[in-house]
Amino acid sequence: MQKLSDVFKELAKKNSMFRRLYVNMVAKNEFLNIIGKPFNEYCKVSRFSNGTVFIECDDNIYVTELNFFKEKIREELNKRIGFNAVNKILIKLRR
């Protein structure tokens, strides 16, 4: 019997609505593990849309710092998602 998460992942590969839901869920859950402290206290994934993960930070210093790691974050998210869903990372200041 397949796990529900595996079924959801397969649906995400085939259907854009499931892809958006699945990537959003994985990105929000795994982001904290990817960036670690102290970033995870000040930066959060806000959403996923059209291949882009949007990250918001409380302070410009974290925005600047995370911008250096955008490609690494993208690669790590795709690895944890299980397929290439994230094409771009956009990091901005939370308002």
PDB file of N, CA and C in Angstrom:
ATOM      1  N   MET A   1       0.840  -1.182   0.000  1.00  0.00           N
ATOM      2  CA  MET A   1       0.000   0.000   0.000  1.00  0.00           C
ATOM      3  C   MET A   1       0.887   1.249   0.000  1.00  0.00           C
ATOM      4  N   GLN A   2       0.536   2.218  -0.838  1.00  0.00           N
ATOM      5  CA  GLN A   2       1.305   3.464  -0.932  1.00  0.00           C
ATOM      6  C   GLN A   2       0.945   4.417   0.204  1.00  0.00           C
ATOM      7  N   LYS A   3       1.930   5.201   0.589  1.00  0.00           N
ATOM      8  CA  LYS A   3       1.678   6.253   1.573  1.00  0.00           C
ATOM      9  C   LYS A   3       0.931   7.390   0.890  1.00  0.00           C
ATOM     10  N   LEU A   4       0.140   8.092   1.657  1.00  0.00           N
ATOM     11  CA  LEU A   4      -0.620   9.217   1.119  1.00  0.00           C
ATOM     12  C   LEU A   4       0.312  10.281   0.550  1.00  0.00           C
ATOM     13  N   SER A   5       1.448  10.504   1.195  1.00  0.00           N
ATOM     14  CA  SER A   5       2.398  11.512   0.705  1.00  0.00           C
ATOM     15  C   SER A   5       2.948  11.135  -0.666  1.00  0.00           C
ATOM     16  N   ASP A   6       3.153   9.839  -0.909  1.00  0.00           N
ATOM     17  CA  ASP A   6       3.632   9.391  -2.224  1.00  0.00           C
ATOM     18  C   ASP A   6       2.571   9.581  -3.299  1.00  0.00           C
ATOM     19  N   VAL A   7       1.323   9.298  -2.946  1.00  0.00           N
ATOM     20  CA  VAL A   7       0.217   9.508  -3.886  1.00  0.00           C
ATOM     21  C   VAL A   7       0.100  10.990  -4.216  1.00  0.00           C
ATOM     22  N   PHE A   8       0.195  11.827  -3.191  1.00  0.00           N
ATOM     23  CA  PHE A   8       0.098  13.277  -3.381  1.00  0.00           C
ATOM     24  C   PHE A   8       1.231  13.777  -4.278  1.00  0.00           C
ATOM     25  N   LYS A   9       2.441  13.240  -4.092  1.00  0.00           N
ATOM     26  CA  LYS A   9       3.587  13.633  -4.911  1.00  0.00           C
ATOM     27  C   LYS A   9       3.351  13.269  -6.378  1.00  0.00           C
ATOM     28  N   GLU A  10       2.830  12.078  -6.625  1.00  0.00           N
ATOM     29  CA  GLU A  10       2.546  11.654  -8.002  1.00  0.00           C
ATOM     30  C   GLU A  10       1.478  12.532  -8.641  1.00  0.00           C
ATOM     31  N   LEU A  11       0.453  12.884  -7.879  1.00  0.00           N
ATOM     32  CA  LEU A  11      -0.579  13.791  -8.394  1.00  0.00           C
ATOM     33  C   LEU A  11       0.012  15.162  -8.709  1.00  0.00           C
ATOM     34  N   ALA A  12       0.949  15.606  -7.881  1.00  0.00           N
ATOM     35  CA  ALA A  12       1.580  16.918  -8.077  1.00  0.00           C
ATOM     36  C   ALA A  12       2.381  16.970  -9.368  1.00  0.00           C
ATOM     37  N   LYS A  13       2.926  15.847  -9.785  1.00  0.00           N
ATOM     38  CA  LYS A  13       3.690  15.809 -11.034  1.00  0.00           C
ATOM     39  C   LYS A  13       2.789  15.973 -12.252  1.00  0.00           C
ATOM     40  N   LYS A  14       1.514  15.624 -12.110  1.00  0.00           N
ATOM     41  CA  LYS A  14       0.593  15.592 -13.244  1.00  0.00           C
ATOM     42  C   LYS A  14      -0.419  16.729 -13.269  1.00  0.00           C
ATOM     43  N   ASN A  15      -0.686  17.328 -12.124  1.00  0.00           N
ATOM     44  CA  ASN A  15      -1.761  18.308 -12.026  1.00  0.00           C
ATOM     45  C   ASN A  15      -1.256  19.581 -11.358  1.00  0.00           C
ATOM     46  N   SER A  16      -1.493  20.718 -12.000  1.00  0.00           N
ATOM     47  CA  SER A  16      -0.953  21.988 -11.489  1.00  0.00           C
ATOM     48  C   SER A  16      -1.544  22.386 -10.140  1.00  0.00           C
ATOM     49  N   MET A  17      -2.819  22.081  -9.892  1.00  0.00           N
ATOM     50  CA  MET A  17      -3.415  22.429  -8.604  1.00  0.00           C
ATOM     51  C   MET A  17      -2.741  21.628  -7.479  1.00  0.00           C
ATOM     52  N   PHE A  18      -2.572  20.320  -7.689  1.00  0.00           N
ATOM     53  CA  PHE A  18      -1.897  19.497  -6.690  1.00  0.00           C
ATOM     54  C   PHE A  18      -0.435  19.898  -6.544  1.00  0.00           C
ATOM     55  N   ARG A  19       0.202  20.304  -7.655  1.00  0.00           N
ATOM     56  CA  ARG A  19       1.600  20.741  -7.601  1.00  0.00           C
ATOM     57  C   ARG A  19       1.729  21.954  -6.691  1.00  0.00           C
ATOM     58  N   ARG A  20       0.832  22.921  -6.882  1.00  0.00           N
ATOM     59  CA  ARG A  20       0.878  24.138  -6.061  1.00  0.00           C
ATOM     60  C   ARG A  20       0.701  23.794  -4.582  1.00  0.00           C
ATOM     61  N   LEU A  21      -0.266  22.939  -4.274  1.00  0.00           N
ATOM     62  CA  LEU A  21      -0.510  22.547  -2.882  1.00  0.00           C
ATOM     63  C   LEU A  21       0.670  21.770  -2.292  1.00  0.00           C
ATOM     64  N   TYR A  22       1.162  20.804  -3.051  1.00  0.00           N
ATOM     65  CA  TYR A  22       2.247  19.947  -2.569  1.00  0.00           C
ATOM     66  C   TYR A  22       3.536  20.738  -2.361  1.00  0.00           C
ATOM     67  N   VAL A  23       3.906  21.540  -3.354  1.00  0.00           N
ATOM     68  CA  VAL A  23       5.150  22.311  -3.251  1.00  0.00           C
ATOM     69  C   VAL A  23       5.048  23.325  -2.121  1.00  0.00           C
ATOM     70  N   ASN A  24       3.897  23.961  -1.989  1.00  0.00           N
ATOM     71  CA  ASN A  24       3.697  24.929  -0.907  1.00  0.00           C
ATOM     72  C   ASN A  24       3.873  24.247   0.452  1.00  0.00           C
ATOM     73  N   MET A  25       3.288  23.072   0.609  1.00  0.00           N
ATOM     74  CA  MET A  25       3.380  22.336   1.868  1.00  0.00           C
ATOM     75  C   MET A  25       4.826  21.917   2.160  1.00  0.00           C
ATOM     76  N   VAL A  26       5.485  21.316   1.181  1.00  0.00           N
ATOM     77  CA  VAL A  26       6.867  20.859   1.382  1.00  0.00           C
ATOM     78  C   VAL A  26       7.796  22.047   1.616  1.00  0.00           C
ATOM     79  N   ALA A  27       7.623  23.109   0.832  1.00  0.00           N
ATOM     80  CA  ALA A  27       8.488  24.287   0.971  1.00  0.00           C
ATOM     81  C   ALA A  27       8.370  24.885   2.367  1.00  0.00           C
ATOM     82  N   LYS A  28       7.148  25.021   2.862  1.00  0.00           N
ATOM     83  CA  LYS A  28       6.962  25.602   4.198  1.00  0.00           C
ATOM     84  C   LYS A  28       7.523  24.696   5.287  1.00  0.00           C
ATOM     85  N   ASN A  29       7.329  23.394   5.145  1.00  0.00           N
ATOM     86  CA  ASN A  29       7.813  22.454   6.166  1.00  0.00           C
ATOM     87  C   ASN A  29       9.325  22.279   6.140  1.00  0.00           C
ATOM     88  N   GLU A  30       9.906  22.214   4.966  1.00  0.00           N
ATOM     89  CA  GLU A  30      11.338  21.929   4.837  1.00  0.00           C
ATOM     90  C   GLU A  30      12.220  23.174   4.876  1.00  0.00           C
ATOM     91  N   PHE A  31      11.651  24.333   4.625  1.00  0.00           N
ATOM     92  CA  PHE A  31      12.428  25.569   4.589  1.00  0.00           C
ATOM     93  C   PHE A  31      13.204  25.778   5.886  1.00  0.00           C
ATOM     94  N   LEU A  32      12.549  25.522   6.996  1.00  0.00           N
ATOM     95  CA  LEU A  32      13.195  25.716   8.297  1.00  0.00           C
ATOM     96  C   LEU A  32      14.413  24.813   8.452  1.00  0.00           C
ATOM     97  N   ASN A  33      14.326  23.603   7.934  1.00  0.00           N
ATOM     98  CA  ASN A  33      15.460  22.674   8.007  1.00  0.00           C
ATOM     99  C   ASN A  33      16.578  23.071   7.053  1.00  0.00           C
ATOM    100  N   ILE A  34      16.221  23.666   5.937  1.00  0.00           N
ATOM    101  CA  ILE A  34      17.213  24.036   4.928  1.00  0.00           C
ATOM    102  C   ILE A  34      18.043  25.232   5.373  1.00  0.00           C
ATOM    103  N   ILE A  35      17.382  26.276   5.877  1.00  0.00           N
ATOM    104  CA  ILE A  35      18.127  27.499   6.200  1.00  0.00           C
ATOM    105  C   ILE A  35      18.693  27.516   7.606  1.00  0.00           C
ATOM    106  N   GLY A  36      18.070  26.811   8.533  1.00  0.00           N
ATOM    107  CA  GLY A  36      18.576  26.751   9.899  1.00  0.00           C
ATOM    108  C   GLY A  36      18.444  28.069  10.652  1.00  0.00           C
ATOM    109  N   LYS A  37      19.056  28.089  11.841  1.00  0.00           N
ATOM    110  CA  LYS A  37      19.013  29.281  12.691  1.00  0.00           C
ATOM    111  C   LYS A  37      20.084  30.249  12.249  1.00  0.00           C
ATOM    112  N   PRO A  38      19.938  31.533  12.447  1.00  0.00           N
ATOM    113  CA  PRO A  38      18.799  32.259  12.991  1.00  0.00           C
ATOM    114  C   PRO A  38      17.758  32.619  11.935  1.00  0.00           C
ATOM    115  N   PHE A  39      18.018  32.263  10.670  1.00  0.00           N
ATOM    116  CA  PHE A  39      17.114  32.666   9.595  1.00  0.00           C
ATOM    117  C   PHE A  39      15.687  32.184   9.802  1.00  0.00           C
ATOM    118  N   ASN A  40      15.525  30.954  10.302  1.00  0.00           N
ATOM    119  CA  ASN A  40      14.175  30.418  10.409  1.00  0.00           C
ATOM    120  C   ASN A  40      13.302  31.164  11.412  1.00  0.00           C
ATOM    121  N   GLU A  41      13.908  31.985  12.237  1.00  0.00           N
ATOM    122  CA  GLU A  41      13.131  32.802  13.166  1.00  0.00           C
ATOM    123  C   GLU A  41      12.613  34.077  12.505  1.00  0.00           C
ATOM    124  N   TYR A  42      13.246  34.498  11.416  1.00  0.00           N
ATOM    125  CA  TYR A  42      12.932  35.786  10.804  1.00  0.00           C
ATOM    126  C   TYR A  42      12.459  35.695   9.359  1.00  0.00           C
ATOM    127  N   CYS A  43      12.534  34.518   8.753  1.00  0.00           N
ATOM    128  CA  CYS A  43      12.152  34.348   7.349  1.00  0.00           C
ATOM    129  C   CYS A  43      11.210  33.163   7.206  1.00  0.00           C
ATOM    130  N   LYS A  44      10.182  33.327   6.379  1.00  0.00           N
ATOM    131  CA  LYS A  44       9.191  32.276   6.152  1.00  0.00           C
ATOM    132  C   LYS A  44       8.845  32.203   4.675  1.00  0.00           C
ATOM    133  N   VAL A  45       8.487  31.007   4.208  1.00  0.00           N
ATOM    134  CA  VAL A  45       7.942  30.845   2.860  1.00  0.00           C
ATOM    135  C   VAL A  45       6.510  31.352   2.910  1.00  0.00           C
ATOM    136  N   SER A  46       6.182  32.302   2.043  1.00  0.00           N
ATOM    137  CA  SER A  46       4.821  32.827   2.044  1.00  0.00           C
ATOM    138  C   SER A  46       3.921  32.101   1.057  1.00  0.00           C
ATOM    139  N   ARG A  47       4.490  31.697  -0.116  1.00  0.00           N
ATOM    140  CA  ARG A  47       3.653  30.992  -1.091  1.00  0.00           C
ATOM    141  C   ARG A  47       4.512  30.438  -2.221  1.00  0.00           C
ATOM    142  N   PHE A  48       3.860  29.630  -3.057  1.00  0.00           N
ATOM    143  CA  PHE A  48       4.460  29.083  -4.268  1.00  0.00           C
ATOM    144  C   PHE A  48       3.494  29.356  -5.403  1.00  0.00           C
ATOM    145  N   SER A  49       4.008  29.928  -6.493  1.00  0.00           N
ATOM    146  CA  SER A  49       3.159  30.229  -7.645  1.00  0.00           C
ATOM    147  C   SER A  49       3.991  30.203  -8.917  1.00  0.00           C
ATOM    148  N   ASN A  50       3.503  29.491  -9.926  1.00  0.00           N
ATOM    149  CA  ASN A  50       4.142  29.444 -11.248  1.00  0.00           C
ATOM    150  C   ASN A  50       5.642  29.161 -11.191  1.00  0.00           C
ATOM    151  N   GLY A  51       6.044  28.220 -10.373  1.00  0.00           N
ATOM    152  CA  GLY A  51       7.444  27.827 -10.300  1.00  0.00           C
ATOM    153  C   GLY A  51       8.305  28.686  -9.393  1.00  0.00           C
ATOM    154  N   THR A  52       7.707  29.676  -8.747  1.00  0.00           N
ATOM    155  CA  THR A  52       8.461  30.584  -7.879  1.00  0.00           C
ATOM    156  C   THR A  52       8.052  30.404  -6.421  1.00  0.00           C
ATOM    157  N   VAL A  53       9.041  30.253  -5.546  1.00  0.00           N
ATOM    158  CA  VAL A  53       8.800  30.232  -4.105  1.00  0.00           C
ATOM    159  C   VAL A  53       9.088  31.636  -3.587  1.00  0.00           C
ATOM    160  N   PHE A  54       8.120  32.204  -2.886  1.00  0.00           N
ATOM    161  CA  PHE A  54       8.242  33.543  -2.320  1.00  0.00           C
ATOM    162  C   PHE A  54       8.588  33.423  -0.840  1.00  0.00           C
ATOM    163  N   ILE A  55       9.676  34.077  -0.453  1.00  0.00           N
ATOM    164  CA  ILE A  55      10.144  34.067   0.929  1.00  0.00           C
ATOM    165  C   ILE A  55      10.101  35.495   1.446  1.00  0.00           C
ATOM    166  N   GLU A  56       9.567  35.664   2.655  1.00  0.00           N
ATOM    167  CA  GLU A  56       9.507  36.987   3.279  1.00  0.00           C
ATOM    168  C   GLU A  56      10.321  36.973   4.564  1.00  0.00           C
ATOM    169  N   CYS A  57      11.088  38.047   4.761  1.00  0.00           N
ATOM    170  CA  CYS A  57      11.931  38.182   5.955  1.00  0.00           C
ATOM    171  C   CYS A  57      11.556  39.450   6.715  1.00  0.00           C
ATOM    172  N   ASP A  58      11.781  39.423   8.026  1.00  0.00           N
ATOM    173  CA  ASP A  58      11.445  40.559   8.888  1.00  0.00           C
ATOM    174  C   ASP A  58      12.420  41.721   8.779  1.00  0.00           C
ATOM    175  N   ASP A  59      13.629  41.461   8.302  1.00  0.00           N
ATOM    176  CA  ASP A  59      14.660  42.489   8.274  1.00  0.00           C
ATOM    177  C   ASP A  59      15.450  42.387   6.971  1.00  0.00           C
ATOM    178  N   ASN A  60      15.850  43.546   6.449  1.00  0.00           N
ATOM    179  CA  ASN A  60      16.607  43.595   5.194  1.00  0.00           C
ATOM    180  C   ASN A  60      17.928  42.836   5.269  1.00  0.00           C
ATOM    181  N   ILE A  61      18.505  42.755   6.438  1.00  0.00           N
ATOM    182  CA  ILE A  61      19.775  42.045   6.582  1.00  0.00           C
ATOM    183  C   ILE A  61      19.610  40.568   6.221  1.00  0.00           C
ATOM    184  N   TYR A  62      18.457  39.977   6.580  1.00  0.00           N
ATOM    185  CA  TYR A  62      18.189  38.576   6.250  1.00  0.00           C
ATOM    186  C   TYR A  62      17.849  38.411   4.774  1.00  0.00           C
ATOM    187  N   VAL A  63      17.170  39.400   4.204  1.00  0.00           N
ATOM    188  CA  VAL A  63      16.874  39.382   2.766  1.00  0.00           C
ATOM    189  C   VAL A  63      18.182  39.354   1.988  1.00  0.00           C
ATOM    190  N   THR A  64      19.091  40.248   2.343  1.00  0.00           N
ATOM    191  CA  THR A  64      20.387  40.332   1.669  1.00  0.00           C
ATOM    192  C   THR A  64      21.171  39.036   1.822  1.00  0.00           C
ATOM    193  N   GLU A  65      21.203  38.525   3.026  1.00  0.00           N
ATOM    194  CA  GLU A  65      21.961  37.302   3.307  1.00  0.00           C
ATOM    195  C   GLU A  65      21.393  36.100   2.546  1.00  0.00           C
ATOM    196  N   LEU A  66      20.073  35.937   2.570  1.00  0.00           N
ATOM    197  CA  LEU A  66      19.461  34.790   1.886  1.00  0.00           C
ATOM    198  C   LEU A  66      19.603  34.876   0.374  1.00  0.00           C
ATOM    199  N   ASN A  67      19.683  36.089  -0.163  1.00  0.00           N
ATOM    200  CA  ASN A  67      19.854  36.238  -1.607  1.00  0.00           C
ATOM    201  C   ASN A  67      21.138  35.572  -2.098  1.00  0.00           C
ATOM    202  N   PHE A  68      22.140  35.479  -1.242  1.00  0.00           N
ATOM    203  CA  PHE A  68      23.382  34.798  -1.612  1.00  0.00           C
ATOM    204  C   PHE A  68      23.176  33.283  -1.746  1.00  0.00           C
ATOM    205  N   PHE A  69      22.122  32.766  -1.113  1.00  0.00           N
ATOM    206  CA  PHE A  69      21.888  31.319  -1.073  1.00  0.00           C
ATOM    207  C   PHE A  69      20.668  30.878  -1.871  1.00  0.00           C
ATOM    208  N   LYS A  70      20.151  31.760  -2.732  1.00  0.00           N
ATOM    209  CA  LYS A  70      18.931  31.441  -3.488  1.00  0.00           C
ATOM    210  C   LYS A  70      19.046  30.145  -4.282  1.00  0.00           C
ATOM    211  N   GLU A  71      20.136  29.982  -4.993  1.00  0.00           N
ATOM    212  CA  GLU A  71      20.297  28.796  -5.835  1.00  0.00           C
ATOM    213  C   GLU A  71      20.394  27.529  -4.990  1.00  0.00           C
ATOM    214  N   LYS A  72      21.104  27.608  -3.892  1.00  0.00           N
ATOM    215  CA  LYS A  72      21.230  26.461  -2.985  1.00  0.00           C
ATOM    216  C   LYS A  72      19.868  26.102  -2.384  1.00  0.00           C
ATOM    217  N   ILE A  73      19.096  27.107  -1.996  1.00  0.00           N
ATOM    218  CA  ILE A  73      17.754  26.880  -1.448  1.00  0.00           C
ATOM    219  C   ILE A  73      16.872  26.219  -2.503  1.00  0.00           C
ATOM    220  N   ARG A  74      16.934  26.715  -3.737  1.00  0.00           N
ATOM    221  CA  ARG A  74      16.129  26.165  -4.835  1.00  0.00           C
ATOM    222  C   ARG A  74      16.481  24.694  -5.074  1.00  0.00           C
ATOM    223  N   GLU A  75      17.767  24.408  -5.152  1.00  0.00           N
ATOM    224  CA  GLU A  75      18.216  23.028  -5.377  1.00  0.00           C
ATOM    225  C   GLU A  75      17.772  22.101  -4.249  1.00  0.00           C
ATOM    226  N   GLU A  76      17.923  22.570  -3.027  1.00  0.00           N
ATOM    227  CA  GLU A  76      17.567  21.743  -1.870  1.00  0.00           C
ATOM    228  C   GLU A  76      16.055  21.519  -1.796  1.00  0.00           C
ATOM    229  N   LEU A  77      15.268  22.545  -2.096  1.00  0.00           N
ATOM    230  CA  LEU A  77      13.812  22.370  -2.112  1.00  0.00           C
ATOM    231  C   LEU A  77      13.403  21.354  -3.169  1.00  0.00           C
ATOM    232  N   ASN A  78      13.959  21.473  -4.370  1.00  0.00           N
ATOM    233  CA  ASN A  78      13.624  20.519  -5.432  1.00  0.00           C
ATOM    234  C   ASN A  78      14.003  19.093  -5.040  1.00  0.00           C
ATOM    235  N   LYS A  79      15.125  18.952  -4.363  1.00  0.00           N
ATOM    236  CA  LYS A  79      15.554  17.630  -3.911  1.00  0.00           C
ATOM    237  C   LYS A  79      14.544  17.056  -2.918  1.00  0.00           C
ATOM    238  N   ARG A  80      14.089  17.879  -2.005  1.00  0.00           N
ATOM    239  CA  ARG A  80      13.152  17.409  -0.977  1.00  0.00           C
ATOM    240  C   ARG A  80      11.740  17.228  -1.521  1.00  0.00           C
ATOM    241  N   ILE A  81      11.395  17.992  -2.550  1.00  0.00           N
ATOM    242  CA  ILE A  81      10.093  17.833  -3.205  1.00  0.00           C
ATOM    243  C   ILE A  81      10.075  16.531  -4.000  1.00  0.00           C
ATOM    244  N   GLY A  82      11.201  16.204  -4.610  1.00  0.00           N
ATOM    245  CA  GLY A  82      11.307  14.958  -5.352  1.00  0.00           C
ATOM    246  C   GLY A  82      11.259  15.120  -6.856  1.00  0.00           C
ATOM    247  N   PHE A  83      11.062  16.332  -7.322  1.00  0.00           N
ATOM    248  CA  PHE A  83      11.098  16.643  -8.752  1.00  0.00           C
ATOM    249  C   PHE A  83      11.341  18.142  -8.900  1.00  0.00           C
ATOM    250  N   ASN A  84      11.698  18.588 -10.097  1.00  0.00           N
ATOM    251  CA  ASN A  84      12.026  20.002 -10.317  1.00  0.00           C
ATOM    252  C   ASN A  84      10.765  20.840 -10.477  1.00  0.00           C
ATOM    253  N   ALA A  85      10.287  21.358  -9.367  1.00  0.00           N
ATOM    254  CA  ALA A  85       9.089  22.191  -9.366  1.00  0.00           C
ATOM    255  C   ALA A  85       9.432  23.663  -9.176  1.00  0.00           C
ATOM    256  N   VAL A  86      10.531  23.936  -8.472  1.00  0.00           N
ATOM    257  CA  VAL A  86      10.911  25.316  -8.149  1.00  0.00           C
ATOM    258  C   VAL A  86      11.934  25.802  -9.167  1.00  0.00           C
ATOM    259  N   ASN A  87      11.563  26.847  -9.907  1.00  0.00           N
ATOM    260  CA  ASN A  87      12.460  27.440 -10.902  1.00  0.00           C
ATOM    261  C   ASN A  87      13.158  28.687 -10.381  1.00  0.00           C
ATOM    262  N   LYS A  88      12.535  29.323  -9.401  1.00  0.00           N
ATOM    263  CA  LYS A  88      13.021  30.629  -8.955  1.00  0.00           C
ATOM    264  C   LYS A  88      12.678  30.823  -7.481  1.00  0.00           C
ATOM    265  N   ILE A  89      13.544  31.546  -6.788  1.00  0.00           N
ATOM    266  CA  ILE A  89      13.314  31.948  -5.398  1.00  0.00           C
ATOM    267  C   ILE A  89      13.269  33.467  -5.376  1.00  0.00           C
ATOM    268  N   LEU A  90      12.223  34.027  -4.807  1.00  0.00           N
ATOM    269  CA  LEU A  90      12.097  35.476  -4.680  1.00  0.00           C
ATOM    270  C   LEU A  90      12.039  35.813  -3.194  1.00  0.00           C
ATOM    271  N   ILE A  91      12.992  36.623  -2.736  1.00  0.00           N
ATOM    272  CA  ILE A  91      13.088  36.966  -1.316  1.00  0.00           C
ATOM    273  C   ILE A  91      12.824  38.452  -1.160  1.00  0.00           C
ATOM    274  N   LYS A  92      11.898  38.786  -0.250  1.00  0.00           N
ATOM    275  CA  LYS A  92      11.571  40.198  -0.050  1.00  0.00           C
ATOM    276  C   LYS A  92      11.324  40.489   1.423  1.00  0.00           C
ATOM    277  N   LEU A  93      11.279  41.755   1.727  1.00  0.00           N
ATOM    278  CA  LEU A  93      11.031  42.227   3.086  1.00  0.00           C
ATOM    279  C   LEU A  93       9.546  42.105   3.399  1.00  0.00           C
ATOM    280  N   ARG A  94       9.220  41.534   4.550  1.00  0.00           N
ATOM    281  CA  ARG A  94       7.827  41.415   4.987  1.00  0.00           C
ATOM    282  C   ARG A  94       7.326  42.792   5.402  1.00  0.00           C
ATOM    283  N   ARG A  95       6.143  43.111   5.001  1.00  0.00           N
ATOM    284  CA  ARG A  95       5.568  44.434   5.330  1.00  0.00           C
ATOM    285  C   ARG A  95       4.511  44.321   6.373  1.00  0.00           C
TER     286      ARG A  95
END
